[in-house]
Protein backbone atom coordinates (compact mmCIF):
# COMPACT_ATOMS: atom_id res chain seq x y z
CA MET A 1 -5.35 -16.74 23.58
CA SER A 2 -2.63 -16.24 20.47
CA ILE A 3 -2.49 -12.86 19.04
CA ARG A 4 -2.07 -14.04 15.86
CA PRO A 5 -4.61 -13.89 14.09
CA ALA A 6 -3.84 -16.74 11.70
CA ALA A 7 -4.54 -18.79 14.62
CA ARG A 8 -7.51 -18.60 16.06
CA PRO A 9 -10.22 -20.66 15.01
CA GLY A 10 -12.02 -19.93 11.94
CA PHE A 11 -9.63 -17.76 10.43
CA ASP A 12 -9.65 -17.92 6.78
CA ARG A 13 -5.93 -17.78 5.64
CA LYS A 14 -6.86 -17.75 1.85
CA SER A 15 -8.41 -14.45 2.75
CA LEU A 16 -4.80 -13.03 2.48
CA TRP A 17 -3.64 -13.78 -0.92
CA ASN A 18 -7.15 -12.92 -2.06
CA ILE A 19 -6.61 -10.25 -5.08
CA ALA A 20 -10.49 -10.92 -6.47
CA PRO A 21 -11.63 -7.09 -5.13
CA LEU A 22 -8.27 -5.12 -6.99
CA GLY A 23 -10.18 -5.50 -10.36
CA HIS A 24 -13.85 -3.79 -8.87
CA TYR A 25 -11.49 -0.96 -7.34
CA ALA A 26 -8.90 -0.55 -10.09
CA LEU A 27 -10.28 1.88 -11.20
CA ALA A 28 -11.19 4.24 -8.17
CA ILE A 29 -7.05 3.59 -6.91
CA LEU A 30 -5.96 4.57 -10.00
CA GLY A 31 -7.67 7.89 -10.02
CA LEU A 32 -7.40 8.85 -6.72
CA PHE A 33 -3.74 8.44 -7.32
CA ALA A 34 -3.63 10.16 -10.74
CA VAL A 35 -5.29 13.12 -8.53
CA ALA A 36 -2.95 12.62 -5.67
CA LEU A 37 -0.05 12.44 -8.03
CA VAL A 38 -0.96 15.78 -9.41
CA ILE A 39 -1.38 17.63 -6.05
CA GLY A 40 1.96 16.39 -4.96
CA ILE A 41 4.29 17.30 -7.48
CA ALA A 42 2.41 20.77 -7.91
CA LEU A 43 3.23 21.46 -4.01
CA VAL A 44 6.47 20.45 -4.18
CA LEU A 45 7.33 22.21 -7.91
CA ARG A 46 5.85 25.77 -5.83
CA PHE A 47 6.77 25.42 -2.57
CA GLY A 48 9.88 22.63 -2.42
CA SER A 49 12.65 23.23 -4.11
CA PRO A 50 11.94 22.91 -8.21
CA GLY A 51 15.55 22.68 -9.10
CA LEU A 52 15.80 19.25 -6.75
CA PHE A 53 12.59 17.71 -8.95
CA LEU A 54 13.43 13.32 -8.91
CA ASN A 55 16.90 14.94 -8.47
CA PHE A 56 17.08 10.78 -7.03
CA PRO A 57 16.18 9.03 -10.13
CA ARG A 58 18.16 11.37 -12.21
CA SER A 59 21.45 11.74 -9.90
CA ASN A 60 20.96 8.07 -8.92
CA PRO A 61 18.87 5.32 -11.48
CA ARG A 62 20.29 2.63 -11.00
CA LEU A 63 19.39 2.22 -6.75
CA TRP A 64 15.62 4.35 -7.34
CA GLY A 65 14.92 1.59 -9.53
CA LEU A 66 16.37 -1.09 -7.10
CA LEU A 67 14.30 1.23 -4.38
CA MET A 68 11.03 1.17 -6.79
CA ILE A 69 11.71 -2.71 -6.96
CA LEU A 70 12.20 -3.52 -3.80
CA TYR A 71 10.06 -1.36 -1.39
CA PRO A 72 6.52 -2.83 -2.38
CA ILE A 73 8.08 -6.18 -1.89
CA LEU A 74 9.89 -5.97 1.09
CA SER A 75 7.79 -3.69 2.76
CA VAL A 76 4.28 -2.22 1.48
CA TYR A 77 2.78 -5.60 0.69
CA PRO A 78 3.81 -7.69 4.10
CA GLN A 79 2.35 -4.50 5.61
CA GLY A 80 -0.99 -4.83 3.77
CA ILE A 81 -1.12 -8.71 4.99
CA ILE A 82 0.07 -7.66 8.47
CA TYR A 83 -2.91 -4.97 8.37
CA ARG A 84 -5.49 -7.05 6.69
CA ALA A 85 -5.15 -10.00 8.89
CA PHE A 86 -5.17 -7.85 12.05
CA VAL A 87 -7.35 -5.41 11.26
CA PHE A 88 -10.23 -6.71 9.20
CA ASP A 89 -10.07 -10.02 11.47
CA ARG A 90 -9.73 -9.71 14.84
CA TYR A 91 -11.99 -6.35 14.62
CA ARG A 92 -14.61 -8.46 12.33
CA ASP A 93 -17.26 -8.02 15.24
CA LEU A 94 -16.36 -4.17 16.22
CA PHE A 95 -17.20 -3.16 12.69
CA GLY A 96 -19.02 -5.52 10.63
CA SER A 97 -17.92 -7.94 7.97
CA ALA A 98 -18.33 -5.19 5.08
C-alpha cells in the first residue's frame, strides 16, 4: 500500500486545484486576517521593540519584497496542497466529508 495520497484508488487529483470554495470563505478569511493583524501589531508595539517595528521592510525592501513573493509560492501553497491531499483524503473515513 502506497502512502502517497495521489496513488490511492479513487483519489481525485482535480480536488488539489479546486479554488471554487475560496469565494465563499474570502470575506471570513479577510476578516480574521484583519483582526489578527490589529492584535499582532498592538502586541508588538506594546510588548516588543516599537523602534524595530517594520524595520526589515524599511531597511531591505528588495529582499523583503522577494520574500513576500517567493515564500507563498515555494512554501505555503505546496504545504496547502500536501495538507489537503494527505489529511482530507486519508482521514475522510474518520472525520467524514464535511
